[in-house]
N, C-alpha and C. Protein backbone atom coordinates (compact mmCIF):
# COMPACT_ATOMS: atom_id res chain seq x y z
N MET A 1 -65.17 2.81 9.93
CA MET A 1 -63.84 3.38 9.85
C MET A 1 -64.05 4.93 10.58
N LYS A 2 -62.44 4.69 11.73
CA LYS A 2 -62.76 6.00 12.68
C LYS A 2 -62.34 7.44 11.64
N THR A 3 -63.52 8.50 12.03
CA THR A 3 -62.71 10.10 11.54
C THR A 3 -61.39 10.08 12.12
N LEU A 4 -60.94 11.55 11.35
CA LEU A 4 -59.72 11.78 11.86
C LEU A 4 -59.65 12.07 13.55
N ASN A 5 -60.78 12.87 13.69
CA ASN A 5 -61.22 13.79 14.99
C ASN A 5 -61.26 12.34 15.82
N GLN A 6 -62.14 11.16 15.69
CA GLN A 6 -62.22 10.18 16.54
C GLN A 6 -60.67 9.50 16.88
N LEU A 7 -59.94 9.19 16.17
CA LEU A 7 -58.24 8.77 16.32
C LEU A 7 -58.06 9.45 17.46
N ILE A 8 -57.89 11.27 17.01
CA ILE A 8 -56.96 11.98 17.79
C ILE A 8 -57.65 12.13 19.16
N GLY A 9 -59.09 11.80 18.83
CA GLY A 9 -59.73 11.56 20.52
C GLY A 9 -58.85 10.12 21.47
N GLY A 10 -58.77 9.04 20.29
CA GLY A 10 -58.11 8.08 21.23
C GLY A 10 -56.81 8.24 21.91
N TYR A 11 -56.28 9.03 20.57
CA TYR A 11 -54.49 9.48 20.77
C TYR A 11 -54.03 10.13 21.92
N THR A 12 -55.20 11.38 22.10
CA THR A 12 -54.90 12.38 22.76
C THR A 12 -55.16 11.43 24.39
N CYS A 13 -56.27 10.50 24.59
CA CYS A 13 -56.96 9.92 25.85
C CYS A 13 -55.20 8.92 26.23
N LEU A 14 -54.77 7.89 25.81
CA LEU A 14 -53.39 7.51 25.41
C LEU A 14 -52.33 8.20 26.18
N LEU A 15 -52.13 9.45 25.39
CA LEU A 15 -50.98 9.99 25.99
C LEU A 15 -51.43 10.70 27.21
N ARG A 16 -52.64 11.33 28.12
CA ARG A 16 -52.67 11.35 28.93
C ARG A 16 -52.27 10.58 30.15
N GLN A 17 -52.61 9.08 29.53
CA GLN A 17 -52.21 8.18 30.71
C GLN A 17 -50.58 8.51 31.16
N GLY A 18 -50.13 9.22 30.05
CA GLY A 18 -48.42 8.91 30.15
C GLY A 18 -47.40 8.01 29.81
N GLU A 19 -48.24 6.61 29.93
CA GLU A 19 -47.54 5.85 29.48
C GLU A 19 -46.65 5.63 27.72
N LEU A 20 -47.50 6.01 26.86
CA LEU A 20 -47.26 6.06 26.27
C LEU A 20 -45.80 6.53 25.69
N GLN A 21 -45.66 8.17 26.11
CA GLN A 21 -44.60 9.44 26.15
C GLN A 21 -43.67 8.33 26.47
N ALA A 22 -43.67 7.89 27.38
CA ALA A 22 -42.60 6.83 28.84
C ALA A 22 -41.67 5.98 27.79
N ALA A 23 -42.67 5.06 27.04
CA ALA A 23 -42.32 3.89 26.39
C ALA A 23 -41.74 4.63 24.73
N TYR A 24 -41.81 4.98 24.63
CA TYR A 24 -41.41 5.86 23.51
C TYR A 24 -40.18 6.70 23.44
N LYS A 25 -40.03 7.65 24.59
CA LYS A 25 -38.36 8.06 25.48
C LYS A 25 -37.57 7.30 25.56
N GLY A 26 -38.10 5.79 26.03
CA GLY A 26 -37.48 4.55 26.43
C GLY A 26 -36.58 4.33 25.64
N ILE A 27 -37.72 3.91 24.50
CA ILE A 27 -37.07 2.98 23.22
C ILE A 27 -35.78 4.41 22.60
N LEU A 28 -36.49 5.42 22.50
CA LEU A 28 -35.73 6.41 21.43
C LEU A 28 -34.25 6.45 22.70
N GLU A 29 -33.96 6.59 23.50
CA GLU A 29 -32.77 6.97 24.51
C GLU A 29 -31.86 5.24 24.39
N PHE A 30 -32.74 4.11 24.44
CA PHE A 30 -31.96 2.68 24.08
C PHE A 30 -31.12 2.89 22.69
N ILE A 31 -32.34 3.44 21.92
CA ILE A 31 -31.22 3.17 20.16
C ILE A 31 -30.21 4.44 20.46
N GLY A 32 -30.26 5.67 20.79
CA GLY A 32 -29.11 5.96 21.20
C GLY A 32 -27.93 5.86 22.35
N ARG A 33 -28.34 4.89 22.85
CA ARG A 33 -27.16 4.37 23.32
C ARG A 33 -26.57 2.94 22.58
N LEU A 34 -27.22 2.63 21.97
CA LEU A 34 -26.96 1.35 21.11
C LEU A 34 -26.17 1.62 20.17
N ARG A 35 -26.34 3.08 19.40
CA ARG A 35 -25.82 3.84 18.20
C ARG A 35 -24.58 4.51 19.07
N SER A 36 -24.62 4.60 20.45
CA SER A 36 -23.19 5.61 20.57
C SER A 36 -22.17 4.06 21.10
N ASP A 37 -22.94 2.86 21.34
CA ASP A 37 -22.03 1.49 21.59
C ASP A 37 -21.51 1.46 19.51
N PHE A 38 -22.17 1.22 18.78
CA PHE A 38 -21.81 0.81 17.35
C PHE A 38 -20.66 1.90 16.83
N MET A 39 -20.69 3.43 17.77
CA MET A 39 -19.62 4.06 16.89
C MET A 39 -18.59 3.85 17.93
N LYS A 40 -17.92 3.43 18.65
CA LYS A 40 -17.12 3.04 19.57
C LYS A 40 -16.63 1.58 18.81
N MET A 41 -17.67 0.62 18.45
CA MET A 41 -17.35 -0.67 17.93
C MET A 41 -16.30 -0.50 16.17
N TYR A 42 -17.33 0.53 15.67
CA TYR A 42 -17.18 1.05 14.15
C TYR A 42 -16.46 2.46 13.86
N PRO A 43 -15.39 2.32 14.49
CA PRO A 43 -15.07 4.21 14.45
C PRO A 43 -14.45 4.67 13.21
N ASP A 44 -14.60 3.42 12.22
CA ASP A 44 -14.10 3.99 11.36
C ASP A 44 -15.59 4.10 9.94
N SER A 45 -16.57 3.67 10.62
CA SER A 45 -17.67 3.46 10.05
C SER A 45 -18.51 4.85 9.93
N ASP A 46 -19.19 5.29 8.44
CA ASP A 46 -20.09 6.24 9.07
C ASP A 46 -21.28 5.53 9.46
N ILE A 47 -22.09 6.21 10.27
CA ILE A 47 -23.10 6.25 11.39
C ILE A 47 -23.66 7.05 11.46
N GLY A 48 -24.97 7.14 10.96
CA GLY A 48 -26.15 8.33 11.55
C GLY A 48 -26.78 8.40 12.55
N GLY A 49 -27.44 9.50 12.07
CA GLY A 49 -28.81 9.74 13.56
C GLY A 49 -29.17 9.01 13.83
N VAL A 50 -30.20 8.64 14.73
CA VAL A 50 -31.31 8.51 15.16
C VAL A 50 -32.48 9.00 14.49
N TYR A 51 -33.49 8.22 13.27
CA TYR A 51 -34.28 8.38 12.91
C TYR A 51 -35.55 7.98 14.09
N PRO A 52 -36.09 9.07 14.88
CA PRO A 52 -37.37 9.02 15.69
C PRO A 52 -38.94 7.77 15.07
N GLY A 53 -38.23 7.95 13.70
CA GLY A 53 -40.07 8.19 13.00
C GLY A 53 -41.18 8.39 13.83
N TYR A 54 -42.29 7.59 12.58
CA TYR A 54 -43.35 8.13 13.01
C TYR A 54 -44.22 7.11 14.14
N MET A 55 -43.85 6.49 15.04
CA MET A 55 -44.40 5.56 15.74
C MET A 55 -44.71 4.39 15.11
N ASP A 56 -43.44 4.43 13.80
CA ASP A 56 -44.05 2.44 12.54
C ASP A 56 -42.46 2.00 13.13
N MET A 57 -41.22 3.16 12.81
CA MET A 57 -40.19 2.27 13.02
C MET A 57 -39.85 3.78 13.78
N SER A 58 -37.72 3.13 14.72
CA SER A 58 -36.76 3.98 14.70
C SER A 58 -35.68 3.05 14.32
N TYR A 59 -34.77 3.80 14.02
CA TYR A 59 -33.72 3.68 13.60
C TYR A 59 -32.48 4.45 13.58
N PHE A 60 -31.15 3.76 13.42
CA PHE A 60 -29.72 4.51 12.66
C PHE A 60 -29.14 3.74 12.27
N SER A 61 -28.31 3.97 11.04
CA SER A 61 -27.70 3.18 9.93
C SER A 61 -26.50 3.71 10.32
N PHE A 62 -25.72 2.50 9.15
CA PHE A 62 -24.21 2.72 9.06
C PHE A 62 -23.33 2.11 8.25
N SER A 63 -22.63 2.42 7.64
CA SER A 63 -21.48 2.05 6.45
C SER A 63 -20.72 1.62 6.73
N THR A 64 -20.21 0.28 6.31
CA THR A 64 -18.17 0.00 6.94
C THR A 64 -18.15 0.44 5.63
N LYS A 65 -16.59 1.00 5.21
CA LYS A 65 -16.42 0.72 3.53
C LYS A 65 -16.57 -0.06 2.36
N LEU A 66 -16.80 -0.86 2.86
CA LEU A 66 -16.88 -1.97 2.09
C LEU A 66 -18.62 -2.27 1.30
N LEU A 67 -19.18 -1.41 2.37
CA LEU A 67 -21.18 -1.19 2.13
C LEU A 67 -20.80 -0.20 1.34
N LYS A 68 -20.16 0.93 2.04
CA LYS A 68 -20.67 2.71 1.59
C LYS A 68 -19.85 2.43 -0.36
N ASP A 69 -18.90 1.88 -0.62
CA ASP A 69 -18.11 1.53 -1.45
C ASP A 69 -18.96 1.14 -2.66
N LYS A 70 -20.03 0.47 -2.13
CA LYS A 70 -21.32 -0.26 -2.90
C LYS A 70 -22.32 0.41 -2.71
N GLY A 71 -22.53 1.44 -2.20
CA GLY A 71 -23.96 2.04 -1.80
C GLY A 71 -24.94 1.44 -1.38
N LEU A 72 -24.23 1.03 -0.18
CA LEU A 72 -25.38 0.14 0.57
C LEU A 72 -24.57 0.61 1.78
N LYS A 73 -25.99 -0.08 3.01
CA LYS A 73 -26.08 0.26 4.27
C LYS A 73 -26.26 -0.30 5.15
N ILE A 74 -26.04 -0.64 6.33
CA ILE A 74 -27.15 -1.20 7.12
C ILE A 74 -27.78 -0.55 8.18
N ALA A 75 -29.24 -0.82 8.61
CA ALA A 75 -30.10 -0.03 9.24
C ALA A 75 -30.45 -1.09 10.16
N ILE A 76 -30.03 -0.38 11.30
CA ILE A 76 -30.55 -1.26 12.71
C ILE A 76 -32.20 -0.68 13.08
N VAL A 77 -33.09 -1.37 13.35
CA VAL A 77 -34.24 -0.55 13.34
C VAL A 77 -35.39 -1.42 14.10
N TYR A 78 -35.64 -1.02 14.88
CA TYR A 78 -37.03 -1.09 16.12
C TYR A 78 -38.09 -1.11 15.56
N LEU A 79 -39.18 -1.94 15.33
CA LEU A 79 -40.35 -1.77 14.93
C LEU A 79 -41.62 -1.94 15.69
N HIS A 80 -42.00 -0.96 16.13
CA HIS A 80 -42.80 -0.46 17.10
C HIS A 80 -43.73 -1.21 17.45
N GLU A 81 -44.40 -1.65 16.08
CA GLU A 81 -46.19 -2.32 15.92
C GLU A 81 -45.40 -3.90 16.62
N LYS A 82 -44.69 -4.53 15.78
CA LYS A 82 -43.84 -5.83 15.91
C LYS A 82 -43.24 -6.01 17.64
N GLY A 83 -42.75 -4.91 17.75
CA GLY A 83 -42.01 -4.71 18.88
C GLY A 83 -40.73 -5.82 19.12
N CYS A 84 -40.03 -5.67 17.90
CA CYS A 84 -38.93 -6.40 18.01
C CYS A 84 -37.79 -5.39 17.03
N PHE A 85 -36.36 -6.25 17.55
CA PHE A 85 -35.29 -5.13 16.50
C PHE A 85 -35.06 -6.38 15.40
N GLU A 86 -34.95 -5.27 14.42
CA GLU A 86 -34.25 -6.26 13.27
C GLU A 86 -32.84 -5.39 12.43
N VAL A 87 -32.10 -6.05 11.78
CA VAL A 87 -31.20 -5.56 11.16
C VAL A 87 -31.58 -5.83 9.44
N TRP A 88 -31.36 -4.24 8.92
CA TRP A 88 -31.25 -4.74 7.57
C TRP A 88 -30.42 -4.10 6.45
N LEU A 89 -30.70 -4.91 5.12
CA LEU A 89 -29.62 -4.44 4.25
C LEU A 89 -30.05 -3.13 3.61
N SER A 90 -29.73 -2.07 3.16
CA SER A 90 -30.35 -1.12 2.83
C SER A 90 -29.47 -0.59 1.26
N ALA A 91 -29.87 -0.31 0.82
CA ALA A 91 -29.18 0.44 -0.48
C ALA A 91 -29.56 2.50 -0.27
N ARG A 92 -28.59 2.58 -1.03
CA ARG A 92 -28.37 4.41 -1.26
C ARG A 92 -29.88 4.81 -2.04
N ASN A 93 -30.15 4.04 -3.52
CA ASN A 93 -30.80 4.42 -3.75
C ASN A 93 -31.69 2.92 -4.36
N ARG A 94 -32.83 3.31 -5.05
CA ARG A 94 -33.45 2.50 -6.16
C ARG A 94 -32.90 1.80 -7.00
N GLU A 95 -32.09 2.38 -7.62
CA GLU A 95 -31.37 1.49 -8.73
C GLU A 95 -29.76 0.68 -8.36
N THR A 96 -29.46 0.78 -7.35
CA THR A 96 -28.38 0.05 -6.08
C THR A 96 -28.61 -1.02 -5.91
N LYS A 97 -30.74 -0.71 -4.98
CA LYS A 97 -31.24 -1.60 -4.44
C LYS A 97 -31.23 -2.99 -5.36
N ARG A 98 -31.72 -2.60 -6.51
CA ARG A 98 -32.37 -3.45 -7.66
C ARG A 98 -30.98 -4.25 -8.26
N ARG A 99 -30.15 -3.83 -8.49
CA ARG A 99 -28.40 -3.93 -8.36
C ARG A 99 -27.76 -5.49 -7.99
N TYR A 100 -28.46 -5.39 -6.29
CA TYR A 100 -28.37 -6.53 -5.74
C TYR A 100 -29.27 -7.11 -5.09
N GLU A 101 -30.67 -6.76 -5.55
CA GLU A 101 -31.56 -7.53 -5.13
C GLU A 101 -31.66 -9.49 -5.44
N SER A 102 -31.28 -9.61 -6.66
CA SER A 102 -31.45 -10.99 -6.74
C SER A 102 -30.33 -11.78 -6.17
N GLY A 103 -28.94 -11.69 -6.25
CA GLY A 103 -28.03 -12.30 -5.83
C GLY A 103 -28.28 -12.38 -3.89
N ILE A 104 -28.90 -11.84 -3.38
CA ILE A 104 -29.05 -11.15 -2.37
C ILE A 104 -30.25 -12.08 -1.82
N LYS A 105 -31.14 -12.02 -2.57
CA LYS A 105 -32.25 -13.11 -2.64
C LYS A 105 -32.28 -14.72 -2.19
N HIS A 106 -30.93 -14.88 -3.06
CA HIS A 106 -30.29 -16.26 -2.76
C HIS A 106 -30.11 -16.77 -1.43
N MET A 107 -30.12 -15.53 -0.72
CA MET A 107 -29.34 -15.70 0.81
C MET A 107 -30.21 -16.36 1.29
N VAL A 108 -31.82 -15.75 1.01
CA VAL A 108 -32.71 -15.93 1.71
C VAL A 108 -32.94 -17.53 1.76
N SER A 109 -32.68 -17.96 0.62
CA SER A 109 -33.23 -19.44 0.14
C SER A 109 -31.96 -20.46 1.00
N VAL A 110 -31.00 -20.25 1.15
CA VAL A 110 -29.95 -20.82 1.84
C VAL A 110 -29.93 -20.66 3.54
N ASN A 111 -30.40 -19.45 4.37
CA ASN A 111 -30.39 -19.11 5.40
C ASN A 111 -31.43 -19.18 6.05
N PRO A 112 -32.07 -20.03 6.42
CA PRO A 112 -33.83 -19.53 6.96
C PRO A 112 -34.06 -18.52 7.90
N ASP A 113 -33.00 -17.79 8.73
CA ASP A 113 -32.74 -16.87 9.89
C ASP A 113 -33.18 -15.03 9.14
N LEU A 114 -32.77 -15.06 7.39
CA LEU A 114 -32.87 -13.67 6.57
C LEU A 114 -34.34 -14.40 5.97
N PHE A 115 -34.59 -12.93 5.75
CA PHE A 115 -35.87 -12.87 4.87
C PHE A 115 -35.87 -11.61 4.06
N HIS A 116 -36.90 -11.59 3.48
CA HIS A 116 -37.25 -9.52 2.75
C HIS A 116 -38.77 -9.87 2.64
N ASP A 117 -39.21 -8.72 3.57
CA ASP A 117 -41.01 -8.80 3.53
C ASP A 117 -40.90 -7.73 2.02
N GLU A 118 -41.39 -8.51 1.20
CA GLU A 118 -41.73 -7.52 -0.33
C GLU A 118 -42.77 -6.05 -0.26
N THR A 119 -43.30 -5.99 1.00
CA THR A 119 -43.88 -5.17 1.31
C THR A 119 -42.99 -4.02 1.87
N ASN A 120 -41.95 -4.33 2.22
CA ASN A 120 -40.91 -3.27 2.88
C ASN A 120 -39.72 -2.74 1.63
N PRO A 121 -39.88 -1.43 1.14
CA PRO A 121 -39.31 -1.30 -0.01
C PRO A 121 -37.82 -0.40 0.39
N ASP A 122 -37.38 -0.69 1.94
CA ASP A 122 -36.38 0.00 2.45
C ASP A 122 -35.47 -0.36 2.31
N ALA A 123 -35.66 -2.12 2.37
CA ALA A 123 -34.30 -3.21 2.83
C ALA A 123 -34.67 -4.14 1.63
N ILE A 124 -32.96 -4.36 1.50
CA ILE A 124 -33.03 -5.61 0.23
C ILE A 124 -33.24 -7.03 1.19
N ILE A 125 -33.18 -7.17 2.39
CA ILE A 125 -33.17 -8.16 2.89
C ILE A 125 -32.72 -7.83 4.37
N GLU A 126 -33.34 -8.73 5.51
CA GLU A 126 -33.86 -8.80 6.67
C GLU A 126 -33.43 -9.73 7.38
N TYR A 127 -33.14 -9.31 9.20
CA TYR A 127 -32.86 -10.46 10.15
C TYR A 127 -33.39 -9.77 11.01
N THR A 128 -34.25 -10.68 11.85
CA THR A 128 -34.96 -10.35 13.25
C THR A 128 -33.81 -10.65 14.23
N LEU A 129 -33.27 -9.53 14.95
CA LEU A 129 -32.00 -9.43 16.05
C LEU A 129 -32.79 -10.47 17.13
N GLU A 130 -33.66 -9.60 17.70
CA GLU A 130 -34.74 -9.70 19.03
C GLU A 130 -36.39 -9.83 18.83
N PRO A 131 -36.84 -10.95 18.84
CA PRO A 131 -37.89 -10.83 18.37
C PRO A 131 -39.02 -10.21 19.54
N GLU A 132 -38.61 -10.66 21.26
CA GLU A 132 -38.95 -9.74 22.42
C GLU A 132 -37.78 -9.13 23.31
N PRO A 133 -37.72 -8.11 22.78
CA PRO A 133 -36.02 -7.40 23.84
C PRO A 133 -36.68 -7.01 25.13
N ASP A 134 -35.98 -7.79 25.88
CA ASP A 134 -35.93 -7.20 27.42
C ASP A 134 -35.10 -5.83 27.66
N PHE A 135 -35.77 -4.98 27.97
CA PHE A 135 -35.28 -3.44 28.34
C PHE A 135 -34.69 -3.23 29.62
N GLU A 136 -35.28 -4.25 30.39
CA GLU A 136 -34.66 -3.88 31.27
C GLU A 136 -33.57 -4.61 31.64
N ASN A 137 -32.95 -5.74 30.89
CA ASN A 137 -31.53 -5.55 30.72
C ASN A 137 -30.77 -4.99 29.26
N GLN A 138 -30.66 -4.06 29.18
CA GLN A 138 -29.76 -3.42 28.79
C GLN A 138 -28.63 -3.86 27.99
N ALA A 139 -27.71 -4.08 28.87
CA ALA A 139 -26.83 -4.49 28.63
C ALA A 139 -26.63 -6.01 28.05
N LEU A 140 -27.43 -7.00 28.31
CA LEU A 140 -27.34 -7.90 27.01
C LEU A 140 -28.34 -7.67 25.75
N LEU A 141 -29.19 -6.86 25.99
CA LEU A 141 -29.75 -6.25 24.88
C LEU A 141 -29.01 -6.14 24.21
N ILE A 142 -28.11 -4.81 24.44
CA ILE A 142 -26.78 -4.43 23.13
C ILE A 142 -26.46 -5.79 22.45
N HIS A 143 -25.60 -6.57 23.90
CA HIS A 143 -24.80 -7.20 23.33
C HIS A 143 -25.11 -8.21 22.07
N THR A 144 -26.38 -8.80 21.99
CA THR A 144 -27.70 -9.51 21.40
C THR A 144 -27.49 -8.78 20.30
N ILE A 145 -27.73 -7.45 20.45
CA ILE A 145 -27.95 -6.97 18.76
C ILE A 145 -26.65 -6.91 18.69
N GLU A 146 -25.54 -6.49 19.07
CA GLU A 146 -24.28 -6.12 18.29
C GLU A 146 -23.89 -7.41 17.96
N HIS A 147 -23.96 -8.60 18.07
CA HIS A 147 -24.18 -10.01 17.99
C HIS A 147 -24.51 -10.34 16.90
N GLY A 148 -25.70 -10.09 16.33
CA GLY A 148 -26.35 -10.32 15.93
C GLY A 148 -26.18 -9.53 14.49
N VAL A 149 -25.69 -8.30 14.73
CA VAL A 149 -25.28 -7.74 13.40
C VAL A 149 -24.21 -8.03 13.09
N ASP A 150 -22.93 -8.30 13.98
CA ASP A 150 -21.72 -9.06 13.63
C ASP A 150 -22.17 -10.29 12.19
N GLN A 151 -22.84 -11.04 12.99
CA GLN A 151 -23.01 -11.96 12.04
C GLN A 151 -24.10 -11.54 10.80
N PHE A 152 -24.73 -10.71 10.86
CA PHE A 152 -25.54 -10.36 9.45
C PHE A 152 -24.01 -9.57 8.32
N ILE A 153 -23.59 -8.93 8.89
CA ILE A 153 -22.63 -8.40 8.45
C ILE A 153 -21.64 -8.73 7.59
N THR A 154 -21.50 -9.98 8.52
CA THR A 154 -20.65 -11.11 7.66
C THR A 154 -21.26 -12.38 6.37
N SER A 155 -22.08 -12.52 7.15
CA SER A 155 -23.34 -12.95 5.55
C SER A 155 -23.18 -12.00 4.83
N VAL A 156 -23.49 -11.09 4.68
CA VAL A 156 -23.62 -10.24 3.83
C VAL A 156 -22.30 -10.00 3.21
N ALA A 157 -21.31 -9.40 3.61
CA ALA A 157 -19.92 -9.37 2.89
C ALA A 157 -19.46 -10.32 2.05
N CYS A 158 -19.47 -11.81 3.04
CA CYS A 158 -19.05 -13.00 1.66
C CYS A 158 -19.93 -13.08 0.63
N LEU A 159 -21.51 -12.05 -0.29
CA LEU A 159 -21.90 -12.06 -1.75
C LEU A 159 -21.41 -10.75 -2.01
N LEU A 160 -20.59 -10.17 -1.51
CA LEU A 160 -20.78 -9.13 -1.99
C LEU A 160 -19.35 -8.80 -2.81
């Protein structure tokens, strides 16, 4: 196992190449643009700010009135290591999460596109929006994500 100094040395070398910063900035700018589109699509929803993360995940959340009344929210997440976009149903707190987990888990058995990663304490249920995003065609990527989120919300709303 490498020491912290060795890890930071490797990190510094990657930063000197300049590509890491450019890629990270591009991801965050895209998520900001996506968030702006969601603000227009869901004007009556509560939309949170962009959480840049620690190069593990970056996301923003939003709640429709129905979800907010139930202590739930949607997170649109970019997972840096996987290089993909997912949408998560999350709860305001752990108690609310436990209340919905058993009913929602039934959705996983019925819909193979939905899943729950047991190592993810932040989500009740997840759905991969785009496994290999094409950041060169951002209009199409935004459309794909918006369409997937709409389908996800419709599926979840049926169970609430």
